[in-house]
Amino acid sequence: EERWFAPHVAYTMAKFGMQPRIARGETFYVIDPHANGWLDLPSIGGGLRWDEVTSAIVQVTDLYRARQDERRRWLDDQGDELPHDHFPRLNVILDEANETRLMLDKRVWEPFVQVMGSGARKVGISLWLICQSSLIKNLGGSEIMRRNFTIFALDHMTIAELIESEESSK
């Protein structure tokens, strides 16, 4: 029964988290190997196109590094940190994170998890990993890195209420 609820709940929870950010005009980059379209936002990788998923992960990692380079240059030139809101917020949503870890080359996945878990928020990137296991070690991270992640979970009653109120197909 829990497995039946999982995809609906993840999508419903993400919708609630995304809606205020969409209203604020924040940018989303949705990577979902199993489906296309989250709240009418385009997504990458649907249909198990792992080459697209790999490319998307590399692009996010490269953006992180470019923003960190700009941050370091600013610090060297100005002697102070960049303003908190210097970079426009990018919300990266990766659905099926556990499966993605298994399907991607370690040379792509490991740097992605390391950089996102260590400093993405400092450069305006929010990473949402939607997965069946909330253990950071199952995603290739360390216990020390675990402190940089927040886990959201719902009890069964809340899950049932969310599905009842939000999902057209019960």
C-alpha atoms as a PDB file:
ATOM      1  CA  GLU A   1       0.000   0.000   0.000  1.00  0.00           C
ATOM      2  CA  GLU A   2       2.806   2.463   0.803  1.00  0.00           C
ATOM      3  CA  ARG A   3       4.368   1.837  -2.591  1.00  0.00           C
ATOM      4  CA  TRP A   4       1.072   2.708  -4.252  1.00  0.00           C
ATOM      5  CA  PHE A   5       0.968   6.036  -2.423  1.00  0.00           C
ATOM      6  CA  ALA A   6       4.586   7.026  -2.935  1.00  0.00           C
ATOM      7  CA  PRO A   7       4.500   8.581  -6.446  1.00  0.00           C
ATOM      8  CA  HIS A   8       1.291  10.471  -5.753  1.00  0.00           C
ATOM      9  CA  VAL A   9       2.529  11.755  -2.411  1.00  0.00           C
ATOM     10  CA  ALA A  10       5.909  12.868  -3.750  1.00  0.00           C
ATOM     11  CA  TYR A  11       4.249  14.766  -6.558  1.00  0.00           C
ATOM     12  CA  THR A  12       1.621  16.274  -4.235  1.00  0.00           C
ATOM     13  CA  MET A  13       4.247  17.353  -1.669  1.00  0.00           C
ATOM     14  CA  ALA A  14       6.402  18.839  -4.403  1.00  0.00           C
ATOM     15  CA  LYS A  15       3.416  20.741  -5.816  1.00  0.00           C
ATOM     16  CA  PHE A  16       2.757  22.359  -2.451  1.00  0.00           C
ATOM     17  CA  GLY A  17       6.406  23.331  -2.101  1.00  0.00           C
ATOM     18  CA  MET A  18       6.700  24.558  -5.682  1.00  0.00           C
ATOM     19  CA  GLN A  19       3.589  26.724  -5.919  1.00  0.00           C
ATOM     20  CA  PRO A  20       4.802  29.623  -3.736  1.00  0.00           C
ATOM     21  CA  ARG A  21       8.158  29.589  -5.511  1.00  0.00           C
ATOM     22  CA  ILE A  22       6.455  29.648  -8.904  1.00  0.00           C
ATOM     23  CA  ALA A  23       4.340  32.573  -7.699  1.00  0.00           C
ATOM     24  CA  ARG A  24       7.572  34.419  -6.754  1.00  0.00           C
ATOM     25  CA  GLY A  25       8.890  33.872 -10.272  1.00  0.00           C
ATOM     26  CA  GLU A  26      11.649  31.458  -9.306  1.00  0.00           C
ATOM     27  CA  THR A  27      13.121  29.196 -11.969  1.00  0.00           C
ATOM     28  CA  PHE A  28      12.695  25.424 -11.957  1.00  0.00           C
ATOM     29  CA  TYR A  29      14.761  22.725 -13.601  1.00  0.00           C
ATOM     30  CA  VAL A  30      12.869  19.437 -13.362  1.00  0.00           C
ATOM     31  CA  ILE A  31      14.694  16.171 -14.005  1.00  0.00           C
ATOM     32  CA  ASP A  32      12.375  13.164 -13.991  1.00  0.00           C
ATOM     33  CA  PRO A  33      13.405   9.932 -15.714  1.00  0.00           C
ATOM     34  CA  HIS A  34       9.881   8.519 -15.513  1.00  0.00           C
ATOM     35  CA  ALA A  35       7.607  11.347 -16.621  1.00  0.00           C
ATOM     36  CA  ASN A  36       7.258  14.735 -18.236  1.00  0.00           C
ATOM     37  CA  GLY A  37       5.446  17.771 -16.899  1.00  0.00           C
ATOM     38  CA  TRP A  38       5.286  18.976 -13.314  1.00  0.00           C
ATOM     39  CA  LEU A  39       2.682  21.716 -12.853  1.00  0.00           C
ATOM     40  CA  ASP A  40       2.967  22.399 -16.583  1.00  0.00           C
ATOM     41  CA  LEU A  41       6.713  22.954 -16.216  1.00  0.00           C
ATOM     42  CA  PRO A  42       8.900  21.222 -18.774  1.00  0.00           C
ATOM     43  CA  SER A  43      11.025  18.374 -17.520  1.00  0.00           C
ATOM     44  CA  ILE A  44      13.995  16.452 -18.792  1.00  0.00           C
ATOM     45  CA  GLY A  45      14.599  12.720 -19.028  1.00  0.00           C
ATOM     46  CA  GLY A  46      11.076  11.306 -19.300  1.00  0.00           C
ATOM     47  CA  GLY A  47      10.892   7.879 -20.884  1.00  0.00           C
ATOM     48  CA  LEU A  48      14.073   6.742 -19.108  1.00  0.00           C
ATOM     49  CA  ARG A  49      16.298   8.823 -21.348  1.00  0.00           C
ATOM     50  CA  TRP A  50      19.376   8.497 -19.165  1.00  0.00           C
ATOM     51  CA  ASP A  51      21.551  10.431 -21.608  1.00  0.00           C
ATOM     52  CA  GLU A  52      19.305  13.476 -21.038  1.00  0.00           C
ATOM     53  CA  VAL A  53      19.350  12.931 -17.269  1.00  0.00           C
ATOM     54  CA  THR A  54      23.159  12.711 -17.342  1.00  0.00           C
ATOM     55  CA  SER A  55      23.407  15.897 -19.398  1.00  0.00           C
ATOM     56  CA  ALA A  56      21.047  17.720 -17.014  1.00  0.00           C
ATOM     57  CA  ILE A  57      23.040  16.639 -13.950  1.00  0.00           C
ATOM     58  CA  VAL A  58      26.270  17.811 -15.606  1.00  0.00           C
ATOM     59  CA  GLN A  59      24.665  21.172 -16.498  1.00  0.00           C
ATOM     60  CA  VAL A  60      23.550  21.744 -12.894  1.00  0.00           C
ATOM     61  CA  THR A  61      26.999  20.785 -11.574  1.00  0.00           C
ATOM     62  CA  ASP A  62      28.650  23.150 -14.077  1.00  0.00           C
ATOM     63  CA  LEU A  63      26.288  25.990 -13.106  1.00  0.00           C
ATOM     64  CA  TYR A  64      27.155  25.438  -9.449  1.00  0.00           C
ATOM     65  CA  ARG A  65      30.875  25.627 -10.238  1.00  0.00           C
ATOM     66  CA  ALA A  66      30.451  28.764 -12.379  1.00  0.00           C
ATOM     67  CA  ARG A  67      28.521  30.483  -9.588  1.00  0.00           C
ATOM     68  CA  GLN A  68      31.117  29.436  -7.009  1.00  0.00           C
ATOM     69  CA  ASP A  69      33.863  30.836  -9.262  1.00  0.00           C
ATOM     70  CA  GLU A  70      31.990  34.149  -9.491  1.00  0.00           C
ATOM     71  CA  ARG A  71      31.531  34.130  -5.726  1.00  0.00           C
ATOM     72  CA  ARG A  72      35.300  33.609  -5.190  1.00  0.00           C
ATOM     73  CA  ARG A  73      36.201  36.348  -7.687  1.00  0.00           C
ATOM     74  CA  TRP A  74      33.851  38.765  -5.941  1.00  0.00           C
ATOM     75  CA  LEU A  75      35.385  37.921  -2.572  1.00  0.00           C
ATOM     76  CA  ASP A  76      38.900  38.432  -3.970  1.00  0.00           C
ATOM     77  CA  ASP A  77      37.965  41.736  -5.649  1.00  0.00           C
ATOM     78  CA  GLN A  78      35.646  43.198  -3.013  1.00  0.00           C
ATOM     79  CA  GLY A  79      36.943  41.541   0.148  1.00  0.00           C
ATOM     80  CA  ASP A  80      33.388  40.628   1.125  1.00  0.00           C
ATOM     81  CA  GLU A  81      30.717  38.019   0.374  1.00  0.00           C
ATOM     82  CA  LEU A  82      28.290  38.464  -2.496  1.00  0.00           C
ATOM     83  CA  PRO A  83      24.865  39.773  -1.488  1.00  0.00           C
ATOM     84  CA  HIS A  84      22.601  36.910  -0.425  1.00  0.00           C
ATOM     85  CA  ASP A  85      20.257  37.435  -3.378  1.00  0.00           C
ATOM     86  CA  HIS A  86      22.957  37.973  -6.030  1.00  0.00           C
ATOM     87  CA  PHE A  87      22.097  34.819  -7.974  1.00  0.00           C
ATOM     88  CA  PRO A  88      18.540  34.183  -9.089  1.00  0.00           C
ATOM     89  CA  ARG A  89      17.085  31.172  -7.280  1.00  0.00           C
ATOM     90  CA  LEU A  90      17.192  27.938  -9.272  1.00  0.00           C
ATOM     91  CA  ASN A  91      15.108  25.069  -7.931  1.00  0.00           C
ATOM     92  CA  VAL A  92      16.382  21.737  -9.229  1.00  0.00           C
ATOM     93  CA  ILE A  93      13.916  18.915  -8.739  1.00  0.00           C
ATOM     94  CA  LEU A  94      15.254  15.423  -9.281  1.00  0.00           C
ATOM     95  CA  ASP A  95      12.629  12.726  -9.075  1.00  0.00           C
ATOM     96  CA  GLU A  96      13.677   9.097  -8.726  1.00  0.00           C
ATOM     97  CA  ALA A  97      16.969  10.105  -7.123  1.00  0.00           C
ATOM     98  CA  ASN A  98      17.771   6.583  -5.887  1.00  0.00           C
ATOM     99  CA  GLU A  99      17.342   5.055  -9.340  1.00  0.00           C
ATOM    100  CA  THR A 100      19.216   7.933 -10.946  1.00  0.00           C
ATOM    101  CA  ARG A 101      22.205   7.260  -8.701  1.00  0.00           C
ATOM    102  CA  LEU A 102      22.234   3.640  -9.838  1.00  0.00           C
ATOM    103  CA  MET A 103      21.884   4.482 -13.532  1.00  0.00           C
ATOM    104  CA  LEU A 104      24.420   7.307 -13.805  1.00  0.00           C
ATOM    105  CA  ASP A 105      28.154   6.941 -14.065  1.00  0.00           C
ATOM    106  CA  LYS A 106      29.795   7.563 -10.678  1.00  0.00           C
ATOM    107  CA  ARG A 107      31.962  10.265 -12.300  1.00  0.00           C
ATOM    108  CA  VAL A 108      28.761  12.239 -12.929  1.00  0.00           C
ATOM    109  CA  TRP A 109      26.717  11.389  -9.823  1.00  0.00           C
ATOM    110  CA  GLU A 110      29.342  11.717  -7.087  1.00  0.00           C
ATOM    111  CA  PRO A 111      30.487  15.270  -7.928  1.00  0.00           C
ATOM    112  CA  PHE A 112      26.843  16.327  -8.265  1.00  0.00           C
ATOM    113  CA  VAL A 113      25.906  15.073  -4.794  1.00  0.00           C
ATOM    114  CA  GLN A 114      29.086  16.442  -3.251  1.00  0.00           C
ATOM    115  CA  VAL A 115      28.768  19.979  -4.608  1.00  0.00           C
ATOM    116  CA  MET A 116      25.014  20.193  -4.123  1.00  0.00           C
ATOM    117  CA  GLY A 117      25.292  18.927  -0.568  1.00  0.00           C
ATOM    118  CA  SER A 118      28.134  21.227   0.345  1.00  0.00           C
ATOM    119  CA  GLY A 119      27.273  24.655  -0.977  1.00  0.00           C
ATOM    120  CA  ALA A 120      24.405  24.910  -3.437  1.00  0.00           C
ATOM    121  CA  ARG A 121      22.360  27.202  -1.193  1.00  0.00           C
ATOM    122  CA  LYS A 122      25.275  29.659  -1.049  1.00  0.00           C
ATOM    123  CA  VAL A 123      24.927  30.212  -4.787  1.00  0.00           C
ATOM    124  CA  GLY A 124      21.136  30.258  -5.043  1.00  0.00           C
ATOM    125  CA  ILE A 125      20.504  26.625  -5.959  1.00  0.00           C
ATOM    126  CA  SER A 126      17.903  24.541  -4.144  1.00  0.00           C
ATOM    127  CA  LEU A 127      18.082  20.822  -4.807  1.00  0.00           C
ATOM    128  CA  TRP A 128      15.007  18.720  -4.167  1.00  0.00           C
ATOM    129  CA  LEU A 129      15.776  15.014  -4.262  1.00  0.00           C
ATOM    130  CA  ILE A 130      12.610  12.961  -4.391  1.00  0.00           C
ATOM    131  CA  CYS A 131      13.410   9.412  -3.432  1.00  0.00           C
ATOM    132  CA  GLN A 132      12.165   6.276  -1.744  1.00  0.00           C
ATOM    133  CA  SER A 133      14.918   6.288   0.868  1.00  0.00           C
ATOM    134  CA  SER A 134      15.720   9.289   2.992  1.00  0.00           C
ATOM    135  CA  LEU A 135      19.126   7.946   4.012  1.00  0.00           C
ATOM    136  CA  ILE A 136      21.874  10.164   2.633  1.00  0.00           C
ATOM    137  CA  LYS A 137      24.185   7.152   2.379  1.00  0.00           C
ATOM    138  CA  ASN A 138      21.755   5.621  -0.153  1.00  0.00           C
ATOM    139  CA  LEU A 139      22.352   8.663  -2.342  1.00  0.00           C
ATOM    140  CA  GLY A 140      26.132   8.526  -2.045  1.00  0.00           C
ATOM    141  CA  GLY A 141      26.550  11.181   0.627  1.00  0.00           C
ATOM    142  CA  SER A 142      28.240  11.084   4.001  1.00  0.00           C
ATOM    143  CA  GLU A 143      26.915  11.515   7.526  1.00  0.00           C
ATOM    144  CA  ILE A 144      28.670  14.885   7.728  1.00  0.00           C
ATOM    145  CA  MET A 145      26.902  15.986   4.547  1.00  0.00           C
ATOM    146  CA  ARG A 146      23.575  14.826   6.013  1.00  0.00           C
ATOM    147  CA  ARG A 147      23.468  18.045   8.038  1.00  0.00           C
ATOM    148  CA  ASN A 148      23.018  20.012   4.801  1.00  0.00           C
ATOM    149  CA  PHE A 149      19.846  18.193   3.816  1.00  0.00           C
ATOM    150  CA  THR A 150      16.320  18.440   5.163  1.00  0.00           C
ATOM    151  CA  ILE A 151      13.934  15.499   4.990  1.00  0.00           C
ATOM    152  CA  PHE A 152      10.241  16.037   4.509  1.00  0.00           C
ATOM    153  CA  ALA A 153       7.892  13.169   5.227  1.00  0.00           C
ATOM    154  CA  LEU A 154       4.187  12.824   5.912  1.00  0.00           C
ATOM    155  CA  ASP A 155       2.221  10.487   8.127  1.00  0.00           C
ATOM    156  CA  HIS A 156      -0.361   8.154   6.545  1.00  0.00           C
ATOM    157  CA  MET A 157      -3.352  10.307   7.546  1.00  0.00           C
ATOM    158  CA  THR A 158      -1.876  13.394   5.894  1.00  0.00           C
ATOM    159  CA  ILE A 159      -0.987  11.386   2.817  1.00  0.00           C
ATOM    160  CA  ALA A 160      -4.572  10.180   2.503  1.00  0.00           C
ATOM    161  CA  GLU A 161      -5.905  13.734   2.925  1.00  0.00           C
ATOM    162  CA  LEU A 162      -3.519  15.148   0.322  1.00  0.00           C
ATOM    163  CA  ILE A 163      -4.408  12.491  -2.208  1.00  0.00           C
ATOM    164  CA  GLU A 164      -8.111  12.919  -1.520  1.00  0.00           C
ATOM    165  CA  SER A 165      -7.989  16.673  -1.994  1.00  0.00           C
ATOM    166  CA  GLU A 166      -5.355  17.022  -4.732  1.00  0.00           C
ATOM    167  CA  GLU A 167      -5.320  13.954  -6.953  1.00  0.00           C
ATOM    168  CA  SER A 168      -7.959  13.612  -9.652  1.00  0.00           C
ATOM    169  CA  SER A 169      -7.449   9.840  -9.832  1.00  0.00           C
ATOM    170  CA  LYS A 170      -7.722   8.427  -6.328  1.00  0.00           C
END
